Amino acid sequence: MRIGELAARAGASPRQVRFYEARGLITSTRGANNYRNYGETALGRVQQIRELLDAGLSTQVIRAILPCLESPRDPIIFDGVTSETVAVRERERDRLTERADVLARNRDAIADYLAELQRRAG
């Protein structure tokens, strides 16, 4: 699919898609007309990238973890991993867990509020 279709289907702009490609997060092939062509898997990848960016991860971190997200059961070899690399990833994981907890509490509060509205309306 071409960049415009990918962007529209993924809820992104063509500029964002080009940015993700420039950062090495997605790839494309070039047709004879030099237009970018993306496979169907790029759609899920762009959506996943957007979710990770929304969660506060940098494109550098996303690039590092994308292989794990593709197939977490396959062994992945990391060259040059240091204890600092592990510590940084642990802090990111903990920050995401905290954000998920806050979102869950907010979701539950909204659900309680909605239930009360429905009870009073009904």
N, C-alpha and C. Protein backbone atom coordinates (compact mmCIF):
# COMPACT_ATOMS: atom_id res chain seq x y z
N MET A 1 0.84 -1.17 0.00
CA MET A 1 0.00 0.00 0.00
C MET A 1 0.89 1.23 0.00
N ARG A 2 0.37 2.31 -0.50
CA ARG A 2 1.13 3.55 -0.56
C ARG A 2 1.03 4.29 0.77
N ILE A 3 1.87 5.29 0.93
CA ILE A 3 2.01 5.97 2.21
C ILE A 3 0.71 6.62 2.68
N GLY A 4 -0.05 7.21 1.77
CA GLY A 4 -1.30 7.86 2.14
C GLY A 4 -2.31 6.88 2.69
N GLU A 5 -2.40 5.72 2.05
CA GLU A 5 -3.34 4.70 2.53
C GLU A 5 -2.90 4.16 3.89
N LEU A 6 -1.61 3.89 4.03
CA LEU A 6 -1.10 3.40 5.31
C LEU A 6 -1.38 4.42 6.41
N ALA A 7 -1.08 5.66 6.15
CA ALA A 7 -1.29 6.71 7.15
C ALA A 7 -2.76 6.80 7.54
N ALA A 8 -3.64 6.82 6.56
CA ALA A 8 -5.07 6.93 6.84
C ALA A 8 -5.58 5.74 7.65
N ARG A 9 -5.18 4.55 7.25
CA ARG A 9 -5.65 3.34 7.95
C ARG A 9 -5.09 3.25 9.36
N ALA A 10 -3.89 3.79 9.58
CA ALA A 10 -3.24 3.71 10.89
C ALA A 10 -3.59 4.89 11.79
N GLY A 11 -4.30 5.87 11.25
CA GLY A 11 -4.61 7.05 12.04
C GLY A 11 -3.41 7.95 12.24
N ALA A 12 -2.53 7.97 11.26
CA ALA A 12 -1.32 8.79 11.32
C ALA A 12 -1.30 9.70 10.11
N SER A 13 -0.34 10.57 10.08
CA SER A 13 -0.15 11.42 8.90
C SER A 13 0.98 10.82 8.06
N PRO A 14 1.00 11.12 6.76
CA PRO A 14 2.13 10.66 5.95
C PRO A 14 3.47 11.15 6.50
N ARG A 15 3.48 12.34 7.07
CA ARG A 15 4.71 12.86 7.66
C ARG A 15 5.18 11.97 8.82
N GLN A 16 4.25 11.53 9.65
CA GLN A 16 4.62 10.63 10.75
C GLN A 16 5.17 9.32 10.22
N VAL A 17 4.54 8.78 9.19
CA VAL A 17 5.00 7.52 8.61
C VAL A 17 6.43 7.68 8.07
N ARG A 18 6.68 8.79 7.38
CA ARG A 18 8.04 9.03 6.88
C ARG A 18 9.03 9.16 8.05
N PHE A 19 8.61 9.80 9.13
CA PHE A 19 9.46 9.94 10.31
C PHE A 19 9.79 8.58 10.90
N TYR A 20 8.77 7.71 11.02
CA TYR A 20 9.02 6.36 11.56
C TYR A 20 9.99 5.60 10.69
N GLU A 21 9.85 5.78 9.39
CA GLU A 21 10.77 5.10 8.47
C GLU A 21 12.18 5.67 8.60
N ALA A 22 12.30 6.97 8.72
CA ALA A 22 13.62 7.60 8.87
C ALA A 22 14.31 7.15 10.16
N ARG A 23 13.52 6.83 11.17
CA ARG A 23 14.07 6.37 12.44
C ARG A 23 14.31 4.86 12.46
N GLY A 24 14.01 4.19 11.35
CA GLY A 24 14.27 2.76 11.27
C GLY A 24 13.22 1.90 11.96
N LEU A 25 12.03 2.47 12.19
CA LEU A 25 10.97 1.73 12.87
C LEU A 25 10.12 0.91 11.90
N ILE A 26 10.03 1.35 10.67
CA ILE A 26 9.32 0.62 9.61
C ILE A 26 10.16 0.70 8.35
N THR A 27 9.85 -0.15 7.40
CA THR A 27 10.56 -0.14 6.13
C THR A 27 9.56 -0.15 4.99
N SER A 28 10.02 0.27 3.84
CA SER A 28 9.21 0.24 2.64
C SER A 28 10.08 -0.20 1.48
N THR A 29 9.42 -0.50 0.40
CA THR A 29 10.13 -0.74 -0.85
C THR A 29 9.76 0.41 -1.79
N ARG A 30 10.53 0.56 -2.82
CA ARG A 30 10.23 1.61 -3.80
C ARG A 30 9.80 0.97 -5.10
N GLY A 31 8.70 1.48 -5.63
CA GLY A 31 8.22 1.00 -6.91
C GLY A 31 8.98 1.66 -8.05
N ALA A 32 8.65 1.27 -9.27
CA ALA A 32 9.30 1.84 -10.45
C ALA A 32 9.08 3.36 -10.52
N ASN A 33 7.98 3.82 -9.96
CA ASN A 33 7.67 5.24 -9.94
C ASN A 33 8.34 5.96 -8.76
N ASN A 34 9.13 5.24 -7.97
CA ASN A 34 9.85 5.72 -6.79
C ASN A 34 8.94 6.03 -5.61
N TYR A 35 7.67 5.61 -5.69
CA TYR A 35 6.77 5.78 -4.55
C TYR A 35 7.06 4.70 -3.52
N ARG A 36 6.86 5.04 -2.26
CA ARG A 36 7.02 4.06 -1.19
C ARG A 36 5.86 3.08 -1.23
N ASN A 37 6.18 1.81 -1.02
CA ASN A 37 5.16 0.78 -0.90
C ASN A 37 5.38 0.06 0.42
N TYR A 38 4.29 -0.12 1.17
CA TYR A 38 4.35 -0.76 2.48
C TYR A 38 3.54 -2.04 2.46
N GLY A 39 4.05 -3.05 3.14
CA GLY A 39 3.31 -4.29 3.28
C GLY A 39 2.22 -4.15 4.33
N GLU A 40 1.35 -5.11 4.38
CA GLU A 40 0.23 -5.09 5.32
C GLU A 40 0.70 -5.07 6.77
N THR A 41 1.84 -5.67 7.04
CA THR A 41 2.34 -5.69 8.41
C THR A 41 2.73 -4.29 8.90
N ALA A 42 2.99 -3.38 7.99
CA ALA A 42 3.35 -2.01 8.38
C ALA A 42 2.19 -1.33 9.10
N LEU A 43 0.96 -1.70 8.76
CA LEU A 43 -0.20 -1.10 9.41
C LEU A 43 -0.18 -1.35 10.91
N GLY A 44 -0.04 -2.60 11.30
CA GLY A 44 0.03 -2.93 12.71
C GLY A 44 1.23 -2.31 13.38
N ARG A 45 2.33 -2.26 12.67
CA ARG A 45 3.56 -1.68 13.22
C ARG A 45 3.37 -0.20 13.51
N VAL A 46 2.78 0.55 12.57
CA VAL A 46 2.57 1.99 12.78
C VAL A 46 1.63 2.21 13.96
N GLN A 47 0.58 1.41 14.04
CA GLN A 47 -0.35 1.55 15.17
C GLN A 47 0.37 1.26 16.49
N GLN A 48 1.20 0.25 16.49
CA GLN A 48 1.96 -0.11 17.69
C GLN A 48 2.93 1.00 18.07
N ILE A 49 3.61 1.56 17.09
CA ILE A 49 4.54 2.66 17.34
C ILE A 49 3.80 3.84 17.95
N ARG A 50 2.65 4.17 17.40
CA ARG A 50 1.87 5.30 17.93
C ARG A 50 1.47 5.05 19.38
N GLU A 51 1.06 3.83 19.70
CA GLU A 51 0.69 3.49 21.07
C GLU A 51 1.89 3.63 22.01
N LEU A 52 3.05 3.16 21.57
CA LEU A 52 4.25 3.25 22.40
C LEU A 52 4.70 4.69 22.58
N LEU A 53 4.59 5.50 21.52
CA LEU A 53 4.91 6.92 21.65
C LEU A 53 3.93 7.60 22.61
N ASP A 54 2.65 7.27 22.49
CA ASP A 54 1.64 7.82 23.40
C ASP A 54 1.92 7.42 24.85
N ALA A 55 2.52 6.25 25.04
CA ALA A 55 2.86 5.79 26.39
C ALA A 55 4.10 6.48 26.93
N GLY A 56 4.76 7.26 26.08
CA GLY A 56 5.90 8.03 26.54
C GLY A 56 7.26 7.48 26.19
N LEU A 57 7.32 6.43 25.37
CA LEU A 57 8.62 5.89 24.98
C LEU A 57 9.20 6.70 23.83
N SER A 58 10.51 6.77 23.78
CA SER A 58 11.18 7.48 22.69
C SER A 58 11.30 6.54 21.49
N THR A 59 11.56 7.12 20.33
CA THR A 59 11.74 6.28 19.14
C THR A 59 12.97 5.40 19.29
N GLN A 60 13.97 5.87 20.01
CA GLN A 60 15.17 5.06 20.25
C GLN A 60 14.83 3.81 21.06
N VAL A 61 14.04 3.97 22.09
CA VAL A 61 13.63 2.83 22.91
C VAL A 61 12.72 1.91 22.10
N ILE A 62 11.81 2.49 21.35
CA ILE A 62 10.89 1.68 20.54
C ILE A 62 11.68 0.83 19.55
N ARG A 63 12.67 1.42 18.90
CA ARG A 63 13.49 0.66 17.95
C ARG A 63 14.18 -0.51 18.65
N ALA A 64 14.61 -0.29 19.88
CA ALA A 64 15.31 -1.34 20.62
C ALA A 64 14.38 -2.49 21.00
N ILE A 65 13.12 -2.18 21.30
CA ILE A 65 12.22 -3.24 21.79
C ILE A 65 11.34 -3.85 20.70
N LEU A 66 11.29 -3.25 19.52
CA LEU A 66 10.42 -3.80 18.46
C LEU A 66 10.68 -5.27 18.16
N PRO A 67 11.93 -5.74 18.11
CA PRO A 67 12.12 -7.18 17.85
C PRO A 67 11.44 -8.05 18.90
N CYS A 68 11.41 -7.60 20.14
CA CYS A 68 10.75 -8.36 21.21
C CYS A 68 9.25 -8.37 21.02
N LEU A 69 8.70 -7.30 20.49
CA LEU A 69 7.26 -7.20 20.30
C LEU A 69 6.77 -8.02 19.12
N GLU A 70 7.65 -8.25 18.15
CA GLU A 70 7.28 -9.05 16.99
C GLU A 70 7.09 -10.50 17.36
N SER A 71 8.02 -11.04 18.11
CA SER A 71 7.97 -12.45 18.47
C SER A 71 8.68 -12.65 19.80
N PRO A 72 7.98 -12.38 20.92
CA PRO A 72 8.66 -12.43 22.21
C PRO A 72 9.18 -13.80 22.61
N ARG A 73 8.74 -14.85 21.95
CA ARG A 73 9.21 -16.19 22.32
C ARG A 73 10.51 -16.57 21.63
N ASP A 74 10.83 -15.89 20.52
CA ASP A 74 12.08 -16.18 19.82
C ASP A 74 13.25 -15.61 20.60
N PRO A 75 14.36 -16.32 20.65
CA PRO A 75 15.52 -15.76 21.34
C PRO A 75 16.06 -14.56 20.57
N ILE A 76 16.37 -13.53 21.29
CA ILE A 76 16.92 -12.32 20.70
C ILE A 76 18.28 -12.09 21.34
N ILE A 77 19.27 -11.87 20.52
CA ILE A 77 20.62 -11.66 21.02
C ILE A 77 20.90 -10.16 21.00
N PHE A 78 21.31 -9.65 22.13
CA PHE A 78 21.63 -8.24 22.25
C PHE A 78 23.12 -8.10 22.50
N ASP A 79 23.79 -7.39 21.62
CA ASP A 79 25.23 -7.14 21.80
C ASP A 79 25.41 -5.89 22.65
N GLY A 80 26.38 -5.94 23.54
CA GLY A 80 26.74 -4.75 24.30
C GLY A 80 25.77 -4.34 25.37
N VAL A 81 24.96 -5.25 25.89
CA VAL A 81 24.03 -4.91 26.95
C VAL A 81 24.81 -4.70 28.24
N THR A 82 24.50 -3.60 28.91
CA THR A 82 25.15 -3.28 30.17
C THR A 82 24.12 -3.27 31.29
N SER A 83 24.60 -3.23 32.52
CA SER A 83 23.67 -3.15 33.65
C SER A 83 22.89 -1.84 33.60
N GLU A 84 23.48 -0.80 33.05
CA GLU A 84 22.77 0.48 32.91
C GLU A 84 21.63 0.35 31.90
N THR A 85 21.86 -0.38 30.81
CA THR A 85 20.80 -0.61 29.82
C THR A 85 19.63 -1.31 30.49
N VAL A 86 19.91 -2.32 31.27
CA VAL A 86 18.86 -3.05 31.97
C VAL A 86 18.13 -2.14 32.95
N ALA A 87 18.88 -1.33 33.69
CA ALA A 87 18.27 -0.43 34.67
C ALA A 87 17.35 0.59 33.99
N VAL A 88 17.78 1.11 32.85
CA VAL A 88 16.95 2.07 32.11
C VAL A 88 15.65 1.42 31.67
N ARG A 89 15.74 0.20 31.13
CA ARG A 89 14.54 -0.50 30.68
C ARG A 89 13.62 -0.85 31.85
N GLU A 90 14.21 -1.17 33.00
CA GLU A 90 13.39 -1.45 34.18
C GLU A 90 12.64 -0.19 34.62
N ARG A 91 13.29 0.95 34.56
CA ARG A 91 12.62 2.20 34.94
C ARG A 91 11.50 2.51 33.95
N GLU A 92 11.75 2.27 32.67
CA GLU A 92 10.70 2.50 31.67
C GLU A 92 9.52 1.57 31.91
N ARG A 93 9.81 0.31 32.20
CA ARG A 93 8.74 -0.65 32.49
C ARG A 93 7.94 -0.19 33.70
N ASP A 94 8.63 0.23 34.76
CA ASP A 94 7.95 0.66 35.97
C ASP A 94 7.10 1.91 35.72
N ARG A 95 7.62 2.82 34.90
CA ARG A 95 6.85 4.03 34.57
C ARG A 95 5.60 3.68 33.77
N LEU A 96 5.73 2.74 32.85
CA LEU A 96 4.56 2.30 32.08
C LEU A 96 3.55 1.60 32.97
N THR A 97 4.03 0.80 33.90
CA THR A 97 3.14 0.13 34.84
C THR A 97 2.37 1.16 35.66
N GLU A 98 3.07 2.17 36.11
CA GLU A 98 2.42 3.24 36.88
C GLU A 98 1.37 3.96 36.05
N ARG A 99 1.70 4.26 34.81
CA ARG A 99 0.72 4.91 33.92
C ARG A 99 -0.49 4.01 33.69
N ALA A 100 -0.24 2.71 33.49
CA ALA A 100 -1.34 1.77 33.29
C ALA A 100 -2.23 1.72 34.52
N ASP A 101 -1.64 1.76 35.69
CA ASP A 101 -2.42 1.75 36.93
C ASP A 101 -3.28 3.00 37.04
N VAL A 102 -2.71 4.16 36.71
CA VAL A 102 -3.47 5.41 36.75
C VAL A 102 -4.62 5.36 35.75
N LEU A 103 -4.34 4.89 34.55
CA LEU A 103 -5.39 4.77 33.53
C LEU A 103 -6.49 3.82 33.99
N ALA A 104 -6.12 2.72 34.60
CA ALA A 104 -7.12 1.76 35.09
C ALA A 104 -7.98 2.39 36.18
N ARG A 105 -7.37 3.13 37.09
CA ARG A 105 -8.16 3.80 38.14
C ARG A 105 -9.12 4.81 37.53
N ASN A 106 -8.64 5.58 36.56
CA ASN A 106 -9.51 6.56 35.89
C ASN A 106 -10.64 5.87 35.14
N ARG A 107 -10.32 4.77 34.45
CA ARG A 107 -11.35 4.02 33.74
C ARG A 107 -12.41 3.52 34.72
N ASP A 108 -11.97 2.98 35.86
CA ASP A 108 -12.90 2.47 36.85
C ASP A 108 -13.76 3.58 37.44
N ALA A 109 -13.17 4.75 37.68
CA ALA A 109 -13.94 5.88 38.21
C ALA A 109 -15.00 6.32 37.20
N ILE A 110 -14.63 6.38 35.93
CA ILE A 110 -15.59 6.75 34.89
C ILE A 110 -16.69 5.70 34.78
N ALA A 111 -16.33 4.44 34.88
CA ALA A 111 -17.33 3.36 34.82
C ALA A 111 -18.30 3.48 35.99
N ASP A 112 -17.79 3.79 37.19
CA ASP A 112 -18.66 3.97 38.36
C ASP A 112 -19.60 5.16 38.15
N TYR A 113 -19.05 6.24 37.63
CA TYR A 113 -19.85 7.43 37.36
C TYR A 113 -20.93 7.13 36.33
N LEU A 114 -20.54 6.43 35.26
CA LEU A 114 -21.50 6.06 34.22
C LEU A 114 -22.59 5.17 34.78
N ALA A 115 -22.23 4.21 35.62
CA ALA A 115 -23.22 3.32 36.24
C ALA A 115 -24.21 4.13 37.07
N GLU A 116 -23.70 5.12 37.81
CA GLU A 116 -24.59 5.97 38.62
C GLU A 116 -25.50 6.80 37.73
N LEU A 117 -24.97 7.34 36.64
CA LEU A 117 -25.81 8.09 35.70
C LEU A 117 -26.92 7.20 35.14
N GLN A 118 -26.54 5.97 34.76
CA GLN A 118 -27.54 5.05 34.21
C GLN A 118 -28.58 4.69 35.25
N ARG A 119 -28.17 4.51 36.51
CA ARG A 119 -29.11 4.18 37.56
C ARG A 119 -30.10 5.32 37.78
N ARG A 120 -29.61 6.55 37.76
CA ARG A 120 -30.48 7.71 37.98
C ARG A 120 -31.37 7.99 36.79
N ALA A 121 -30.89 7.66 35.59
CA ALA A 121 -31.69 7.89 34.38
C ALA A 121 -32.75 6.83 34.20
N GLY A 122 -32.51 5.66 34.77
CA GLY A 122 -33.36 4.52 34.49
C GLY A 122 -34.44 4.34 35.46
